[in-house]
Amino acid sequence: MTKPLLISCIVLSLGAAALGFLNRQNLVQTEENLVATTDQKNDLSKKLTGAKKDIQGHKDEITSLSSDKDTLTANLGETQSELEKAKGETASTQKSLEDTKTDLANLQKDADAKDDRIAELEEQTSTPQDIAGGGNQNGPEAQARLTELETVNSQLQDLNSTLETQVATLRGKEEARQKVQVRQGLQGTILAVNQSWNFVVLSLGDRQGLVPNAELLIQRGGKYLGKVRVTSVESSTAIADILQRTVPRGLTVMPGDNVIYQAQRN
């Protein structure tokens, strides 16, 4: 009776030992799996943190690009506004020039008409001696013609004085313009380009010493692109025509290109 009971105890002990060994193996494996899982979790956490930083970096970049876009849009709007203003002022100047030419033509026409009238009156009017010795019938008529001739002469003298004053003013402006010397090496940029009308808007004006008819070189990255000739100047901007004959084939003038004044040396 004791022997079977002892054998049963031994078997149970062996079973318990085997079960404990298996449980220990499972525990070790579970701990290893837990460590591996923890490592994976930590790795995923690092990747997640890196991804969040990348996403935040992209957001910051998008915000910066949006700000740059808004700034460029605002600058473009201002440039377009300045361009429209410059075009309007150019058109106004052109109209004033045409009106001045028309006025001069009308003045010349009036002067010619008065010259013809003077010649006609001189042919029809007798000399002062004849008028003094004439009869009563021709005297008043000749005197009236002489008075009319004197009036026309006076008007013609006033017209000549006006024309001389205008000519002197124009000559003074032209002489002053010719005396202005553009500073050697004056630099600026092209703000806008109108390919249809072949002109550009420059970031230079009266304040920088730019004058009409000045020719400037166009450069991009130190490379020569051609020339422009200034047609009108405002306080801080100017309009210039692109001299297409100076632009190499295949190249196009673009906003952002540099312009520089280099006087020709003899």
C-alpha atoms as a PDB file:
ATOM      1  CA  MET A   1       0.000   0.000   0.000  1.00  0.00           C
ATOM      2  CA  THR A   2       2.838   2.322   0.830  1.00  0.00           C
ATOM      3  CA  LYS A   3       4.733   1.508  -2.324  1.00  0.00           C
ATOM      4  CA  PRO A   4       1.988   2.498  -4.794  1.00  0.00           C
ATOM      5  CA  LEU A   5       1.439   5.669  -2.859  1.00  0.00           C
ATOM      6  CA  LEU A   6       5.133   6.496  -3.049  1.00  0.00           C
ATOM      7  CA  ILE A   7       5.184   5.820  -6.735  1.00  0.00           C
ATOM      8  CA  SER A   8       2.189   8.107  -7.203  1.00  0.00           C
ATOM      9  CA  CYS A   9       3.930  10.872  -5.282  1.00  0.00           C
ATOM     10  CA  ILE A  10       7.050  10.459  -7.372  1.00  0.00           C
ATOM     11  CA  VAL A  11       4.994  10.614 -10.586  1.00  0.00           C
ATOM     12  CA  LEU A  12       3.133  13.672  -9.389  1.00  0.00           C
ATOM     13  CA  SER A  13       6.420  15.324  -8.405  1.00  0.00           C
ATOM     14  CA  LEU A  14       7.888  14.580 -11.810  1.00  0.00           C
ATOM     15  CA  GLY A  15       4.743  15.914 -13.487  1.00  0.00           C
ATOM     16  CA  ALA A  16       4.871  19.038 -11.357  1.00  0.00           C
ATOM     17  CA  ALA A  17       8.551  19.517 -12.177  1.00  0.00           C
ATOM     18  CA  ALA A  18       7.858  19.028 -15.883  1.00  0.00           C
ATOM     19  CA  LEU A  19       4.931  21.417 -15.679  1.00  0.00           C
ATOM     20  CA  GLY A  20       7.078  23.943 -13.832  1.00  0.00           C
ATOM     21  CA  PHE A  21       9.818  23.610 -16.413  1.00  0.00           C
ATOM     22  CA  LEU A  22       7.326  24.144 -19.225  1.00  0.00           C
ATOM     23  CA  ASN A  23       5.831  27.118 -17.410  1.00  0.00           C
ATOM     24  CA  ARG A  24       9.312  28.598 -16.926  1.00  0.00           C
ATOM     25  CA  GLN A  25      10.044  28.142 -20.630  1.00  0.00           C
ATOM     26  CA  ASN A  26       6.767  29.829 -21.481  1.00  0.00           C
ATOM     27  CA  LEU A  27       7.543  32.625 -19.044  1.00  0.00           C
ATOM     28  CA  VAL A  28      11.002  33.167 -20.569  1.00  0.00           C
ATOM     29  CA  GLN A  29       9.499  33.173 -24.069  1.00  0.00           C
ATOM     30  CA  THR A  30       6.783  35.551 -22.947  1.00  0.00           C
ATOM     31  CA  GLU A  31       9.384  37.889 -21.429  1.00  0.00           C
ATOM     32  CA  GLU A  32      11.411  37.772 -24.629  1.00  0.00           C
ATOM     33  CA  ASN A  33       8.274  38.491 -26.636  1.00  0.00           C
ATOM     34  CA  LEU A  34       7.450  41.326 -24.245  1.00  0.00           C
ATOM     35  CA  VAL A  35      10.940  42.801 -24.670  1.00  0.00           C
ATOM     36  CA  ALA A  36      10.681  42.483 -28.467  1.00  0.00           C
ATOM     37  CA  THR A  37       7.225  44.068 -28.391  1.00  0.00           C
ATOM     38  CA  THR A  38       8.519  46.878 -26.174  1.00  0.00           C
ATOM     39  CA  ASP A  39      11.406  47.463 -28.575  1.00  0.00           C
ATOM     40  CA  GLN A  40       8.965  47.532 -31.515  1.00  0.00           C
ATOM     41  CA  LYS A  41       6.743  49.906 -29.584  1.00  0.00           C
ATOM     42  CA  ASN A  42       9.681  52.207 -28.829  1.00  0.00           C
ATOM     43  CA  ASP A  43      10.798  52.054 -32.467  1.00  0.00           C
ATOM     44  CA  LEU A  44       7.277  52.851 -33.636  1.00  0.00           C
ATOM     45  CA  SER A  45       7.109  55.693 -31.123  1.00  0.00           C
ATOM     46  CA  LYS A  46      10.365  57.132 -32.477  1.00  0.00           C
ATOM     47  CA  LYS A  47       9.086  56.791 -36.040  1.00  0.00           C
ATOM     48  CA  LEU A  48       5.797  58.414 -35.029  1.00  0.00           C
ATOM     49  CA  THR A  49       7.662  61.280 -33.359  1.00  0.00           C
ATOM     50  CA  GLY A  50       9.819  61.699 -36.472  1.00  0.00           C
ATOM     51  CA  ALA A  51       6.721  61.607 -38.674  1.00  0.00           C
ATOM     52  CA  LYS A  52       5.064  64.271 -36.513  1.00  0.00           C
ATOM     53  CA  LYS A  53       8.164  66.449 -36.802  1.00  0.00           C
ATOM     54  CA  ASP A  54       8.180  65.951 -40.589  1.00  0.00           C
ATOM     55  CA  ILE A  55       4.484  66.800 -40.764  1.00  0.00           C
ATOM     56  CA  GLN A  56       5.062  69.917 -38.642  1.00  0.00           C
ATOM     57  CA  GLY A  57       8.022  70.833 -40.862  1.00  0.00           C
ATOM     58  CA  HIS A  58       5.825  70.439 -43.940  1.00  0.00           C
ATOM     59  CA  LYS A  59       3.137  72.569 -42.305  1.00  0.00           C
ATOM     60  CA  ASP A  60       5.685  75.263 -41.501  1.00  0.00           C
ATOM     61  CA  GLU A  61       6.995  75.094 -45.058  1.00  0.00           C
ATOM     62  CA  ILE A  62       3.443  75.352 -46.426  1.00  0.00           C
ATOM     63  CA  THR A  63       2.803  78.340 -44.155  1.00  0.00           C
ATOM     64  CA  SER A  64       6.048  79.977 -45.317  1.00  0.00           C
ATOM     65  CA  LEU A  65       5.238  79.288 -48.961  1.00  0.00           C
ATOM     66  CA  SER A  66       1.727  80.663 -48.482  1.00  0.00           C
ATOM     67  CA  SER A  67       3.194  83.801 -46.915  1.00  0.00           C
ATOM     68  CA  ASP A  68       5.677  84.140 -49.785  1.00  0.00           C
ATOM     69  CA  LYS A  69       2.845  83.620 -52.250  1.00  0.00           C
ATOM     70  CA  ASP A  70       0.761  86.335 -50.579  1.00  0.00           C
ATOM     71  CA  THR A  71       3.764  88.675 -50.625  1.00  0.00           C
ATOM     72  CA  LEU A  72       4.458  87.950 -54.289  1.00  0.00           C
ATOM     73  CA  THR A  73       0.770  88.405 -55.097  1.00  0.00           C
ATOM     74  CA  ALA A  74       0.757  91.754 -53.305  1.00  0.00           C
ATOM     75  CA  ASN A  75       3.970  92.814 -55.083  1.00  0.00           C
ATOM     76  CA  LEU A  76       2.504  91.717 -58.406  1.00  0.00           C
ATOM     77  CA  GLY A  77      -0.613  93.748 -57.704  1.00  0.00           C
ATOM     78  CA  GLU A  78       1.461  96.810 -56.839  1.00  0.00           C
ATOM     79  CA  THR A  79       3.604  96.304 -59.933  1.00  0.00           C
ATOM     80  CA  GLN A  80       0.535  95.964 -62.135  1.00  0.00           C
ATOM     81  CA  SER A  81      -0.922  99.076 -60.533  1.00  0.00           C
ATOM     82  CA  GLU A  82       2.313 100.988 -61.143  1.00  0.00           C
ATOM     83  CA  LEU A  83       2.358  99.658 -64.688  1.00  0.00           C
ATOM     84  CA  GLU A  84      -1.190 100.844 -65.344  1.00  0.00           C
ATOM     85  CA  LYS A  85      -0.345 104.197 -63.750  1.00  0.00           C
ATOM     86  CA  ALA A  86       2.800 104.498 -65.855  1.00  0.00           C
ATOM     87  CA  LYS A  87       0.875 103.572 -68.988  1.00  0.00           C
ATOM     88  CA  GLY A  88      -1.762 106.171 -68.129  1.00  0.00           C
ATOM     89  CA  GLU A  89       0.868 108.842 -67.475  1.00  0.00           C
ATOM     90  CA  THR A  90       2.636 107.884 -70.695  1.00  0.00           C
ATOM     91  CA  ALA A  91      -0.628 108.169 -72.604  1.00  0.00           C
ATOM     92  CA  SER A  92      -1.309 111.531 -70.928  1.00  0.00           C
ATOM     93  CA  THR A  93       2.171 112.770 -71.815  1.00  0.00           C
ATOM     94  CA  GLN A  94       1.743 111.568 -75.380  1.00  0.00           C
ATOM     95  CA  LYS A  95      -1.617 113.336 -75.606  1.00  0.00           C
ATOM     96  CA  SER A  96      -0.108 116.540 -74.214  1.00  0.00           C
ATOM     97  CA  LEU A  97       2.655 116.309 -76.796  1.00  0.00           C
ATOM     98  CA  GLU A  98       0.135 115.791 -79.586  1.00  0.00           C
ATOM     99  CA  ASP A  99      -1.953 118.720 -78.273  1.00  0.00           C
ATOM    100  CA  THR A 100       1.176 120.906 -78.197  1.00  0.00           C
ATOM    101  CA  LYS A 101       2.015 119.901 -81.767  1.00  0.00           C
ATOM    102  CA  THR A 102      -1.561 120.694 -82.800  1.00  0.00           C
ATOM    103  CA  ASP A 103      -1.411 124.089 -81.058  1.00  0.00           C
ATOM    104  CA  LEU A 104       1.897 124.895 -82.755  1.00  0.00           C
ATOM    105  CA  ALA A 105       0.443 123.873 -86.115  1.00  0.00           C
ATOM    106  CA  ASN A 106      -2.606 126.088 -85.516  1.00  0.00           C
ATOM    107  CA  LEU A 107      -0.380 128.970 -84.433  1.00  0.00           C
ATOM    108  CA  GLN A 108       1.716 128.526 -87.561  1.00  0.00           C
ATOM    109  CA  LYS A 109      -1.451 128.429 -89.651  1.00  0.00           C
ATOM    110  CA  ASP A 110      -2.681 131.631 -87.996  1.00  0.00           C
ATOM    111  CA  ALA A 111       0.703 133.266 -88.572  1.00  0.00           C
ATOM    112  CA  ASP A 112       0.605 132.290 -92.240  1.00  0.00           C
ATOM    113  CA  ALA A 113      -2.941 133.622 -92.547  1.00  0.00           C
ATOM    114  CA  LYS A 114      -1.920 136.914 -90.942  1.00  0.00           C
ATOM    115  CA  ASP A 115       1.100 137.131 -93.259  1.00  0.00           C
ATOM    116  CA  ASP A 116      -1.230 136.694 -96.232  1.00  0.00           C
ATOM    117  CA  ARG A 117      -3.586 139.331 -94.818  1.00  0.00           C
ATOM    118  CA  ILE A 118      -0.690 141.738 -94.291  1.00  0.00           C
ATOM    119  CA  ALA A 119       0.468 141.211 -97.858  1.00  0.00           C
ATOM    120  CA  GLU A 120      -3.071 141.783 -99.087  1.00  0.00           C
ATOM    121  CA  LEU A 121      -3.449 144.969 -97.050  1.00  0.00           C
ATOM    122  CA  GLU A 122      -0.058 146.225 -98.157  1.00  0.00           C
ATOM    123  CA  GLU A 123      -1.130 145.817-101.773  1.00  0.00           C
ATOM    124  CA  GLN A 124      -4.440 147.548-101.196  1.00  0.00           C
ATOM    125  CA  THR A 125      -3.197 150.332 -98.937  1.00  0.00           C
ATOM    126  CA  SER A 126      -1.488 153.472-100.266  1.00  0.00           C
ATOM    127  CA  THR A 127       1.612 154.975 -98.656  1.00  0.00           C
ATOM    128  CA  PRO A 128       1.112 157.424 -95.765  1.00  0.00           C
ATOM    129  CA  GLN A 129       1.929 160.321 -98.101  1.00  0.00           C
ATOM    130  CA  ASP A 130      -0.775 159.243-100.527  1.00  0.00           C
ATOM    131  CA  ILE A 131      -3.244 158.851 -97.693  1.00  0.00           C
ATOM    132  CA  ALA A 132      -2.438 162.360 -96.432  1.00  0.00           C
ATOM    133  CA  GLY A 133      -2.841 163.859 -99.901  1.00  0.00           C
ATOM    134  CA  GLY A 134      -5.859 161.829-100.971  1.00  0.00           C
ATOM    135  CA  GLY A 135      -9.384 163.105-101.413  1.00  0.00           C
ATOM    136  CA  ASN A 136     -12.171 162.794 -98.928  1.00  0.00           C
ATOM    137  CA  GLN A 137     -13.634 159.750-100.728  1.00  0.00           C
ATOM    138  CA  ASN A 138     -10.496 157.498-100.358  1.00  0.00           C
ATOM    139  CA  GLY A 139      -9.029 158.962 -97.157  1.00  0.00           C
ATOM    140  CA  PRO A 140     -11.223 157.287 -94.503  1.00  0.00           C
ATOM    141  CA  GLU A 141     -11.066 153.902 -96.263  1.00  0.00           C
ATOM    142  CA  ALA A 142      -7.280 154.013 -96.520  1.00  0.00           C
ATOM    143  CA  GLN A 143      -7.038 155.106 -92.873  1.00  0.00           C
ATOM    144  CA  ALA A 144      -9.247 152.178 -91.798  1.00  0.00           C
ATOM    145  CA  ARG A 145      -7.094 149.762 -93.743  1.00  0.00           C
ATOM    146  CA  LEU A 146      -3.961 151.229 -92.196  1.00  0.00           C
ATOM    147  CA  THR A 147      -5.479 150.827 -88.708  1.00  0.00           C
ATOM    148  CA  GLU A 148      -6.382 147.233 -89.499  1.00  0.00           C
ATOM    149  CA  LEU A 149      -2.829 146.624 -90.715  1.00  0.00           C
ATOM    150  CA  GLU A 150      -1.399 148.044 -87.496  1.00  0.00           C
ATOM    151  CA  THR A 151      -3.742 145.837 -85.426  1.00  0.00           C
ATOM    152  CA  VAL A 152      -2.708 142.736 -87.366  1.00  0.00           C
ATOM    153  CA  ASN A 153       0.955 143.685 -86.948  1.00  0.00           C
ATOM    154  CA  SER A 154       0.453 144.066 -83.197  1.00  0.00           C
ATOM    155  CA  GLN A 155      -1.276 140.679 -82.972  1.00  0.00           C
ATOM    156  CA  LEU A 156       1.471 139.101 -85.030  1.00  0.00           C
ATOM    157  CA  GLN A 157       4.137 140.579 -82.763  1.00  0.00           C
ATOM    158  CA  ASP A 158       2.341 139.185 -79.710  1.00  0.00           C
ATOM    159  CA  LEU A 159       2.137 135.798 -81.420  1.00  0.00           C
ATOM    160  CA  ASN A 160       5.823 135.908 -82.271  1.00  0.00           C
ATOM    161  CA  SER A 161       6.664 136.810 -78.659  1.00  0.00           C
ATOM    162  CA  THR A 162       4.582 133.853 -77.426  1.00  0.00           C
ATOM    163  CA  LEU A 163       6.265 131.498 -79.875  1.00  0.00           C
ATOM    164  CA  GLU A 164       9.712 132.771 -78.930  1.00  0.00           C
ATOM    165  CA  THR A 165       8.937 132.233 -75.235  1.00  0.00           C
ATOM    166  CA  GLN A 166       7.734 128.679 -75.902  1.00  0.00           C
ATOM    167  CA  VAL A 167      10.775 127.911 -78.015  1.00  0.00           C
ATOM    168  CA  ALA A 168      13.103 129.313 -75.340  1.00  0.00           C
ATOM    169  CA  THR A 169      11.358 127.201 -72.677  1.00  0.00           C
ATOM    170  CA  LEU A 170      11.635 124.051 -74.777  1.00  0.00           C
ATOM    171  CA  ARG A 171      15.287 124.770 -75.535  1.00  0.00           C
ATOM    172  CA  GLY A 172      15.978 125.296 -71.835  1.00  0.00           C
ATOM    173  CA  LYS A 173      14.346 121.971 -70.950  1.00  0.00           C
ATOM    174  CA  GLU A 174      16.264 120.176 -73.680  1.00  0.00           C
ATOM    175  CA  GLU A 175      19.564 121.729 -72.601  1.00  0.00           C
ATOM    176  CA  ALA A 176      18.866 120.775 -68.974  1.00  0.00           C
ATOM    177  CA  ARG A 177      18.011 117.237 -70.020  1.00  0.00           C
ATOM    178  CA  GLN A 178      21.173 116.927 -72.080  1.00  0.00           C
ATOM    179  CA  LYS A 179      23.275 118.148 -69.145  1.00  0.00           C
ATOM    180  CA  VAL A 180      21.953 115.382 -66.887  1.00  0.00           C
ATOM    181  CA  GLN A 181      24.434 112.541 -66.697  1.00  0.00           C
ATOM    182  CA  VAL A 182      23.278 109.082 -65.652  1.00  0.00           C
ATOM    183  CA  ARG A 183      25.577 107.640 -62.989  1.00  0.00           C
ATOM    184  CA  GLN A 184      27.947 105.010 -64.380  1.00  0.00           C
ATOM    185  CA  GLY A 185      27.054 101.546 -63.080  1.00  0.00           C
ATOM    186  CA  LEU A 186      23.483 102.489 -62.046  1.00  0.00           C
ATOM    187  CA  GLN A 187      21.646  99.191 -61.477  1.00  0.00           C
ATOM    188  CA  GLY A 188      18.040  98.096 -61.105  1.00  0.00           C
ATOM    189  CA  THR A 189      15.681  95.269 -61.952  1.00  0.00           C
ATOM    190  CA  ILE A 190      12.879  94.628 -64.401  1.00  0.00           C
ATOM    191  CA  LEU A 191       9.572  94.637 -62.502  1.00  0.00           C
ATOM    192  CA  ALA A 192       7.273  93.613 -65.361  1.00  0.00           C
ATOM    193  CA  VAL A 193       7.468  92.711 -69.037  1.00  0.00           C
ATOM    194  CA  ASN A 194       4.878  93.304 -71.748  1.00  0.00           C
ATOM    195  CA  GLN A 195       5.831  91.037 -74.630  1.00  0.00           C
ATOM    196  CA  SER A 196       2.905  92.203 -76.783  1.00  0.00           C
ATOM    197  CA  TRP A 197       3.964  95.856 -76.743  1.00  0.00           C
ATOM    198  CA  ASN A 198       7.664  95.085 -76.301  1.00  0.00           C
ATOM    199  CA  PHE A 199       8.299  97.234 -73.221  1.00  0.00           C
ATOM    200  CA  VAL A 200       9.355  96.727 -69.600  1.00  0.00           C
ATOM    201  CA  VAL A 201       8.861  98.474 -66.253  1.00  0.00           C
ATOM    202  CA  LEU A 202      12.101  99.283 -64.407  1.00  0.00           C
ATOM    203  CA  SER A 203      12.731  99.781 -60.677  1.00  0.00           C
ATOM    204  CA  LEU A 204      14.596 103.021 -61.446  1.00  0.00           C
ATOM    205  CA  GLY A 205      13.357 106.576 -61.825  1.00  0.00           C
ATOM    206  CA  ASP A 206      14.126 110.257 -61.278  1.00  0.00           C
ATOM    207  CA  ARG A 207      15.266 109.611 -57.713  1.00  0.00           C
ATOM    208  CA  GLN A 208      18.038 107.364 -58.982  1.00  0.00           C
ATOM    209  CA  GLY A 209      19.046 109.825 -61.724  1.00  0.00           C
ATOM    210  CA  LEU A 210      17.555 107.983 -64.709  1.00  0.00           C
ATOM    211  CA  VAL A 211      16.657 110.082 -67.781  1.00  0.00           C
ATOM    212  CA  PRO A 212      14.712 109.409 -71.000  1.00  0.00           C
ATOM    213  CA  ASN A 213      16.583 107.887 -73.970  1.00  0.00           C
ATOM    214  CA  ALA A 214      19.195 106.283 -71.695  1.00  0.00           C
ATOM    215  CA  GLU A 215      20.157 102.759 -72.808  1.00  0.00           C
ATOM    216  CA  LEU A 216      20.749 100.057 -70.196  1.00  0.00           C
ATOM    217  CA  LEU A 217      22.176  96.542 -70.501  1.00  0.00           C
ATOM    218  CA  ILE A 218      20.020  93.551 -69.513  1.00  0.00           C
ATOM    219  CA  GLN A 219      21.776  90.821 -67.531  1.00  0.00           C
ATOM    220  CA  ARG A 220      20.766  87.537 -65.912  1.00  0.00           C
ATOM    221  CA  GLY A 221      23.310  85.799 -63.728  1.00  0.00           C
ATOM    222  CA  GLY A 222      26.042  87.905 -65.285  1.00  0.00           C
ATOM    223  CA  LYS A 223      24.992  86.857 -68.805  1.00  0.00           C
ATOM    224  CA  TYR A 224      24.230  89.555 -71.400  1.00  0.00           C
ATOM    225  CA  LEU A 225      20.631  89.451 -72.674  1.00  0.00           C
ATOM    226  CA  GLY A 226      20.295  92.672 -74.670  1.00  0.00           C
ATOM    227  CA  LYS A 227      19.426  96.350 -74.158  1.00  0.00           C
ATOM    228  CA  VAL A 228      16.472  98.576 -73.311  1.00  0.00           C
ATOM    229  CA  ARG A 229      15.937 102.280 -74.081  1.00  0.00           C
ATOM    230  CA  VAL A 230      14.081 104.451 -71.552  1.00  0.00           C
ATOM    231  CA  THR A 231      10.996 106.189 -72.976  1.00  0.00           C
ATOM    232  CA  SER A 232       9.450 107.776 -69.876  1.00  0.00           C
ATOM    233  CA  VAL A 233      10.612 108.318 -66.291  1.00  0.00           C
ATOM    234  CA  GLU A 234       8.616 108.660 -63.064  1.00  0.00           C
ATOM    235  CA  SER A 235       9.830 109.245 -59.506  1.00  0.00           C
ATOM    236  CA  SER A 236      10.761 105.613 -58.753  1.00  0.00           C
ATOM    237  CA  THR A 237       9.893 103.679 -61.931  1.00  0.00           C
ATOM    238  CA  ALA A 238      10.448 103.994 -65.653  1.00  0.00           C
ATOM    239  CA  ILE A 239       9.142 102.564 -68.928  1.00  0.00           C
ATOM    240  CA  ALA A 240      11.685 101.283 -71.453  1.00  0.00           C
ATOM    241  CA  ASP A 241      11.448  99.672 -74.894  1.00  0.00           C
ATOM    242  CA  ILE A 242      13.215  96.362 -75.476  1.00  0.00           C
ATOM    243  CA  LEU A 243      15.725  96.719 -78.317  1.00  0.00           C
ATOM    244  CA  GLN A 244      14.928  93.406 -79.998  1.00  0.00           C
ATOM    245  CA  ARG A 245      17.877  93.650 -82.371  1.00  0.00           C
ATOM    246  CA  THR A 246      20.181  93.382 -79.337  1.00  0.00           C
ATOM    247  CA  VAL A 247      18.489  90.305 -77.809  1.00  0.00           C
ATOM    248  CA  PRO A 248      20.128  87.019 -78.905  1.00  0.00           C
ATOM    249  CA  ARG A 249      17.822  84.547 -80.640  1.00  0.00           C
ATOM    250  CA  GLY A 250      16.163  82.110 -78.266  1.00  0.00           C
ATOM    251  CA  LEU A 251      16.417  84.378 -75.203  1.00  0.00           C
ATOM    252  CA  THR A 252      13.485  86.176 -73.557  1.00  0.00           C
ATOM    253  CA  VAL A 253      13.530  89.137 -71.191  1.00  0.00           C
ATOM    254  CA  MET A 254      11.818  88.247 -67.874  1.00  0.00           C
ATOM    255  CA  PRO A 255      10.822  89.995 -64.623  1.00  0.00           C
ATOM    256  CA  GLY A 256      13.708  89.865 -62.178  1.00  0.00           C
ATOM    257  CA  ASP A 257      16.393  90.391 -64.827  1.00  0.00           C
ATOM    258  CA  ASN A 258      18.956  93.040 -63.912  1.00  0.00           C
ATOM    259  CA  VAL A 259      19.596  96.274 -65.819  1.00  0.00           C
ATOM    260  CA  ILE A 260      22.780  98.328 -65.613  1.00  0.00           C
ATOM    261  CA  TYR A 261      23.848 101.612 -67.182  1.00  0.00           C
ATOM    262  CA  GLN A 262      27.265 101.651 -68.807  1.00  0.00           C
ATOM    263  CA  ALA A 263      28.122 104.809 -70.708  1.00  0.00           C
ATOM    264  CA  GLN A 264      29.904 104.319 -74.007  1.00  0.00           C
ATOM    265  CA  ARG A 265      33.510 105.455 -73.868  1.00  0.00           C
ATOM    266  CA  ASN A 266      35.229 106.989 -76.844  1.00  0.00           C
END
